[in-house]
């Protein structure tokens, strides 16, 4: 079965998808077909990992995980309808995103903020 046919089945199973969601799935399926060079649902784990690595060369781990989640959802439908025995996208983990550093406010800045809040509250007659 072609991936585009699987996408059609997915839309039949989930008739309340918004047009924006449908467009997102469509673009991800199209991108997967081009980048992986595969246009059927019988793909191997190795082909999926090679596709993921190709995506990582030009995009972030967050985008790659987004594509992964969408394709996993599509392939879950193939499994539930009996077209596949297992979902190949469940066989490898999502990527870890880099964690951004927390911003730290200095004690002096906190003291200035408390002083400013107290000034405002006293001006308004709350203190």
C-alpha atoms as a PDB file:
ATOM      1  CA  UNK A   1       0.000   0.000   0.000  1.00  0.00           C
ATOM      2  CA  UNK A   2       1.258   3.463  -0.892  1.00  0.00           C
ATOM      3  CA  UNK A   3       1.762   6.065   1.836  1.00  0.00           C
ATOM      4  CA  UNK A   4      -0.710   8.395   0.142  1.00  0.00           C
ATOM      5  CA  UNK A   5      -3.372   5.659   0.369  1.00  0.00           C
ATOM      6  CA  UNK A   6      -2.559   5.231   4.071  1.00  0.00           C
ATOM      7  CA  UNK A   7      -3.015   8.974   4.502  1.00  0.00           C
ATOM      8  CA  UNK A   8      -6.437   8.733   2.815  1.00  0.00           C
ATOM      9  CA  UNK A   9      -7.393   5.915   5.223  1.00  0.00           C
ATOM     10  CA  UNK A  10      -6.172   8.025   8.127  1.00  0.00           C
ATOM     11  CA  UNK A  11      -8.448  10.881   7.067  1.00  0.00           C
ATOM     12  CA  UNK A  12     -11.392   8.467   6.839  1.00  0.00           C
ATOM     13  CA  UNK A  13     -10.649   7.203  10.360  1.00  0.00           C
ATOM     14  CA  UNK A  14     -10.327  10.752  11.708  1.00  0.00           C
ATOM     15  CA  UNK A  15     -12.945  12.831   9.873  1.00  0.00           C
ATOM     16  CA  UNK A  16     -12.710  15.805  12.249  1.00  0.00           C
ATOM     17  CA  UNK A  17      -9.151  16.791  11.338  1.00  0.00           C
ATOM     18  CA  UNK A  18      -8.766  20.483  10.646  1.00  0.00           C
ATOM     19  CA  UNK A  19      -7.637  21.574   7.172  1.00  0.00           C
ATOM     20  CA  UNK A  20      -4.382  22.781   8.712  1.00  0.00           C
ATOM     21  CA  UNK A  21      -3.726  19.355  10.270  1.00  0.00           C
ATOM     22  CA  UNK A  22      -4.509  17.614   6.984  1.00  0.00           C
ATOM     23  CA  UNK A  23      -2.084  19.929   5.190  1.00  0.00           C
ATOM     24  CA  UNK A  24       0.630  19.199   7.793  1.00  0.00           C
ATOM     25  CA  UNK A  25       0.211  15.431   7.439  1.00  0.00           C
ATOM     26  CA  UNK A  26       0.198  15.753   3.660  1.00  0.00           C
ATOM     27  CA  UNK A  27       3.461  17.708   3.648  1.00  0.00           C
ATOM     28  CA  UNK A  28       5.134  15.240   6.027  1.00  0.00           C
ATOM     29  CA  UNK A  29       4.074  12.242   3.914  1.00  0.00           C
ATOM     30  CA  UNK A  30       5.298  13.982   0.762  1.00  0.00           C
ATOM     31  CA  UNK A  31       8.596  14.892   2.443  1.00  0.00           C
ATOM     32  CA  UNK A  32       9.060  11.322   3.729  1.00  0.00           C
ATOM     33  CA  UNK A  33       8.483   9.875   0.252  1.00  0.00           C
ATOM     34  CA  UNK A  34      11.093  12.213  -1.249  1.00  0.00           C
ATOM     35  CA  UNK A  35      13.685  11.975   1.544  1.00  0.00           C
ATOM     36  CA  UNK A  36      13.396   8.273   2.323  1.00  0.00           C
ATOM     37  CA  UNK A  37      12.857   7.222  -1.287  1.00  0.00           C
ATOM     38  CA  UNK A  38      10.056   4.935  -0.100  1.00  0.00           C
ATOM     39  CA  UNK A  39       6.411   5.153  -1.154  1.00  0.00           C
ATOM     40  CA  UNK A  40       4.857   2.194   0.634  1.00  0.00           C
ATOM     41  CA  UNK A  41       4.001   1.200   4.174  1.00  0.00           C
ATOM     42  CA  UNK A  42       6.378  -1.759   4.213  1.00  0.00           C
ATOM     43  CA  UNK A  43       9.480   0.072   5.343  1.00  0.00           C
ATOM     44  CA  UNK A  44      12.279  -1.122   7.537  1.00  0.00           C
ATOM     45  CA  UNK A  45      13.553   0.297  10.782  1.00  0.00           C
ATOM     46  CA  UNK A  46      16.882   1.001   9.094  1.00  0.00           C
ATOM     47  CA  UNK A  47      15.182   3.021   6.331  1.00  0.00           C
ATOM     48  CA  UNK A  48      13.381   5.080   8.984  1.00  0.00           C
ATOM     49  CA  UNK A  49      16.590   5.760  10.894  1.00  0.00           C
ATOM     50  CA  UNK A  50      18.384   6.776   7.693  1.00  0.00           C
ATOM     51  CA  UNK A  51      15.488   9.129   6.929  1.00  0.00           C
ATOM     52  CA  UNK A  52      15.671  10.611  10.445  1.00  0.00           C
ATOM     53  CA  UNK A  53      19.427  11.183  10.117  1.00  0.00           C
ATOM     54  CA  UNK A  54      18.902  12.886   6.763  1.00  0.00           C
ATOM     55  CA  UNK A  55      16.320  15.207   8.349  1.00  0.00           C
ATOM     56  CA  UNK A  56      18.711  15.982  11.223  1.00  0.00           C
ATOM     57  CA  UNK A  57      21.305  17.255   8.731  1.00  0.00           C
ATOM     58  CA  UNK A  58      19.007  20.156   7.851  1.00  0.00           C
ATOM     59  CA  UNK A  59      16.650  20.517  10.794  1.00  0.00           C
ATOM     60  CA  UNK A  60      16.396  20.376  14.581  1.00  0.00           C
ATOM     61  CA  UNK A  61      15.609  17.417  16.820  1.00  0.00           C
ATOM     62  CA  UNK A  62      12.295  19.071  17.688  1.00  0.00           C
ATOM     63  CA  UNK A  63      11.209  19.156  14.039  1.00  0.00           C
ATOM     64  CA  UNK A  64      12.377  15.603  13.546  1.00  0.00           C
ATOM     65  CA  UNK A  65      10.334  14.482  16.565  1.00  0.00           C
ATOM     66  CA  UNK A  66       7.310  16.285  15.138  1.00  0.00           C
ATOM     67  CA  UNK A  67       7.619  14.363  11.863  1.00  0.00           C
ATOM     68  CA  UNK A  68       8.183  11.148  13.827  1.00  0.00           C
ATOM     69  CA  UNK A  69       4.973  11.669  15.863  1.00  0.00           C
ATOM     70  CA  UNK A  70       2.885  12.316  12.749  1.00  0.00           C
ATOM     71  CA  UNK A  71       4.211   9.263  10.927  1.00  0.00           C
ATOM     72  CA  UNK A  72       3.754   7.115  14.020  1.00  0.00           C
ATOM     73  CA  UNK A  73       0.090   8.166  14.117  1.00  0.00           C
ATOM     74  CA  UNK A  74      -0.364   7.259  10.453  1.00  0.00           C
ATOM     75  CA  UNK A  75       1.236   3.869  10.917  1.00  0.00           C
ATOM     76  CA  UNK A  76      -0.870   3.203  14.031  1.00  0.00           C
ATOM     77  CA  UNK A  77      -3.903   3.342  11.735  1.00  0.00           C
ATOM     78  CA  UNK A  78      -2.270   0.848   9.361  1.00  0.00           C
ATOM     79  CA  UNK A  79      -1.759  -1.511  12.310  1.00  0.00           C
ATOM     80  CA  UNK A  80      -5.283  -1.034  13.672  1.00  0.00           C
ATOM     81  CA  UNK A  81      -6.797  -1.734  10.247  1.00  0.00           C
ATOM     82  CA  UNK A  82      -4.695  -4.887   9.848  1.00  0.00           C
ATOM     83  CA  UNK A  83      -2.427  -3.692   7.025  1.00  0.00           C
ATOM     84  CA  UNK A  84       0.697  -4.029   9.198  1.00  0.00           C
ATOM     85  CA  UNK A  85       1.597  -6.202  12.164  1.00  0.00           C
ATOM     86  CA  UNK A  86       3.593  -3.520  13.942  1.00  0.00           C
ATOM     87  CA  UNK A  87       4.413   0.158  13.716  1.00  0.00           C
ATOM     88  CA  UNK A  88       8.011   0.643  12.620  1.00  0.00           C
ATOM     89  CA  UNK A  89       8.018   4.173  14.087  1.00  0.00           C
ATOM     90  CA  UNK A  90       7.532   2.720  17.560  1.00  0.00           C
ATOM     91  CA  UNK A  91      10.745   0.715  17.188  1.00  0.00           C
ATOM     92  CA  UNK A  92      13.095   3.651  17.675  1.00  0.00           C
ATOM     93  CA  UNK A  93      13.001   6.422  20.253  1.00  0.00           C
ATOM     94  CA  UNK A  94      12.258  10.082  19.867  1.00  0.00           C
ATOM     95  CA  UNK A  95      15.307  12.346  19.967  1.00  0.00           C
ATOM     96  CA  UNK A  96      16.250  14.326  23.028  1.00  0.00           C
ATOM     97  CA  UNK A  97      15.967  18.052  22.586  1.00  0.00           C
ATOM     98  CA  UNK A  98      18.705  20.251  23.911  1.00  0.00           C
ATOM     99  CA  UNK A  99      17.625  21.880  27.142  1.00  0.00           C
ATOM    100  CA  UNK A 100      17.911  25.643  27.271  1.00  0.00           C
ATOM    101  CA  UNK A 101      19.607  27.195  30.265  1.00  0.00           C
ATOM    102  CA  UNK A 102      17.382  28.754  32.890  1.00  0.00           C
ATOM    103  CA  UNK A 103      17.565  32.508  33.191  1.00  0.00           C
ATOM    104  CA  UNK A 104      18.597  33.562  36.683  1.00  0.00           C
ATOM    105  CA  UNK A 105      17.548  36.865  38.237  1.00  0.00           C
ATOM    106  CA  UNK A 106      20.109  38.353  40.595  1.00  0.00           C
ATOM    107  CA  UNK A 107      19.243  39.127  44.228  1.00  0.00           C
ATOM    108  CA  UNK A 108      19.730  42.837  43.579  1.00  0.00           C
ATOM    109  CA  UNK A 109      17.150  42.736  40.767  1.00  0.00           C
ATOM    110  CA  UNK A 110      14.684  40.861  42.995  1.00  0.00           C
ATOM    111  CA  UNK A 111      15.162  43.436  45.786  1.00  0.00           C
ATOM    112  CA  UNK A 112      14.538  46.284  43.310  1.00  0.00           C
ATOM    113  CA  UNK A 113      11.356  44.556  42.076  1.00  0.00           C
ATOM    114  CA  UNK A 114      10.050  44.054  45.635  1.00  0.00           C
ATOM    115  CA  UNK A 115      10.784  47.712  46.415  1.00  0.00           C
ATOM    116  CA  UNK A 116       8.966  48.806  43.261  1.00  0.00           C
ATOM    117  CA  UNK A 117       5.935  46.615  44.046  1.00  0.00           C
ATOM    118  CA  UNK A 118       5.802  47.953  47.610  1.00  0.00           C
ATOM    119  CA  UNK A 119       5.987  51.517  46.289  1.00  0.00           C
ATOM    120  CA  UNK A 120       3.125  50.900  43.868  1.00  0.00           C
ATOM    121  CA  UNK A 121       1.003  49.174  46.535  1.00  0.00           C
ATOM    122  CA  UNK A 122       1.556  52.016  49.019  1.00  0.00           C
ATOM    123  CA  UNK A 123       0.715  54.609  46.358  1.00  0.00           C
ATOM    124  CA  UNK A 124      -2.564  52.776  45.674  1.00  0.00           C
ATOM    125  CA  UNK A 125      -3.312  52.620  49.388  1.00  0.00           C
ATOM    126  CA  UNK A 126      -2.943  48.867  49.844  1.00  0.00           C
ATOM    127  CA  UNK A 127      -0.146  49.187  52.380  1.00  0.00           C
END
